[in-house]
Amino acid sequence: MDDYSGGSAAAAAAALIVFAFFIFIFAVIGYVISAFFLMKIFDKAGVQGKWRAWVPIYNFMVFAKLGDVSPWVMLGAILVSGVLNQVPVLGWIIALLPVAVGALAAWRVGLKLQKETPWVILYVLLGLVWLGILAFDKSRWNTNVPPAPWAANGFLADRTVWQGVPVQTSAAPGGYTPPAGYQPPAPPAGYQPPAPPAGYQPPAPPAATEPPAAPESPTTEPPSAPEPPRS
């Protein structure tokens, strides 16, 4: 009986080890694929250094910067989630912090790659698929998007500058000016400015005012000659 129970425990332990091994293998494969997709997105954004996409945690801090979110907020969310996710009741809520911060960054990154807001749902549900689509579609990086709603928030907005990671125009602090020699993009060929509404007439110039007339000089009659004396 003891041999049977001992054999069952050994078999269960072996099965658990095999299961954990396969989980580890799938986790490594998933990380390699996600890092490769991030590398492609970083290339589109002009990030220098492909290695940035392969460093754990740091790659999502760079991703947060591209999404106009402070990378330190992303780091804090990851650390807090890793430390406090075992807290009863609140643990599963805390574990969602990195997902929430990542969703904000993904929304902004998607806008800069011509993806509308509903694409964030795909990021939350199937993040690997979202990364793959943005990595290999024909979209081009464009920072000419409205500023983030949290752009004026000193805690959430990105204010850091890292060499090799382009500063996002919409996330730059107030007073930012483009580099010297910067030229705005030219309008597409064949572009015509919008025509004025039908019936529109430009305002008429004000009527010319005539200068005031010169004052007339007073007319005085010469004095009459004196009458000759009477004899």
Foldseek 3Di string as FASTA:
>chain_A
DVVVVVVVVVVVVVVVVVVVVVVVVVVVVLLVLLLVLLLLLQVLQQFPDSCQSNDPLSSVLLLLQQLQWHSVQLVVLVVQLVVQLPPPPCNVVSVCSNVVSSLSSVQSSCVQQVHHNVLSVCCSPPVSVSSNCSSPDPGHGDLPDAADPCLVPPHTGYDDDDPRRDRRPSNYDPPDDDDPPDDPDDDDPPDDPDDDDPPDDDDDDDDDDDDDDDDDDDDDDDDDDDDDDDD
